[in-house]
């Protein structure tokens, strides 16, 4: 079985190193890019299974990179998790509008990041974006329950969206 490829895109060498050291524990092939321009080239060359992306970078910022990846016919289905210290509410909305699949604020909890990475890799083959996100939400919920030691077969999450609640069973 081929190991999944994860592309880490961050201009901070220390953060790239941290993310790479976390990801190698997941038996994935880790590649890195130093900015958005480098990330475009590596995405086209490597066709990664997942991209972990910072926003504030030189040459080509993360949001512009994300939009470019979503516009490409070969790259539009690659899952993208934004990992950034820029966590204002408006920034989250801009990331989702640019095409990101998820958003993790820095600093982050290692286990939370790993749960999101595992769930995204588990659902990466789903080409329909809405269906992938639905399966991703369920996978994150399942992995969090397993991590907490509270596994309930076929438990369905209630998900908080804005001011309302969404229950997938209704």
Foldseek 3Di string as FASTA:
>chain_A
DDAFEEEEEELDPVVLVVVVVLCVVVVHHYHYDNFLVRVVVCCVVPVGQEYEAEADHPPAGRLRSLLVQCPDPSRNLRAYEYEYQPDDPVVQVSNVVSPHLYYHHPPHDSLLVVQLVVLSSVLSVDRPSVVSSVSSVVSSVQSVCVVVVNHDPPDWDWDDDPPDIRTVVD
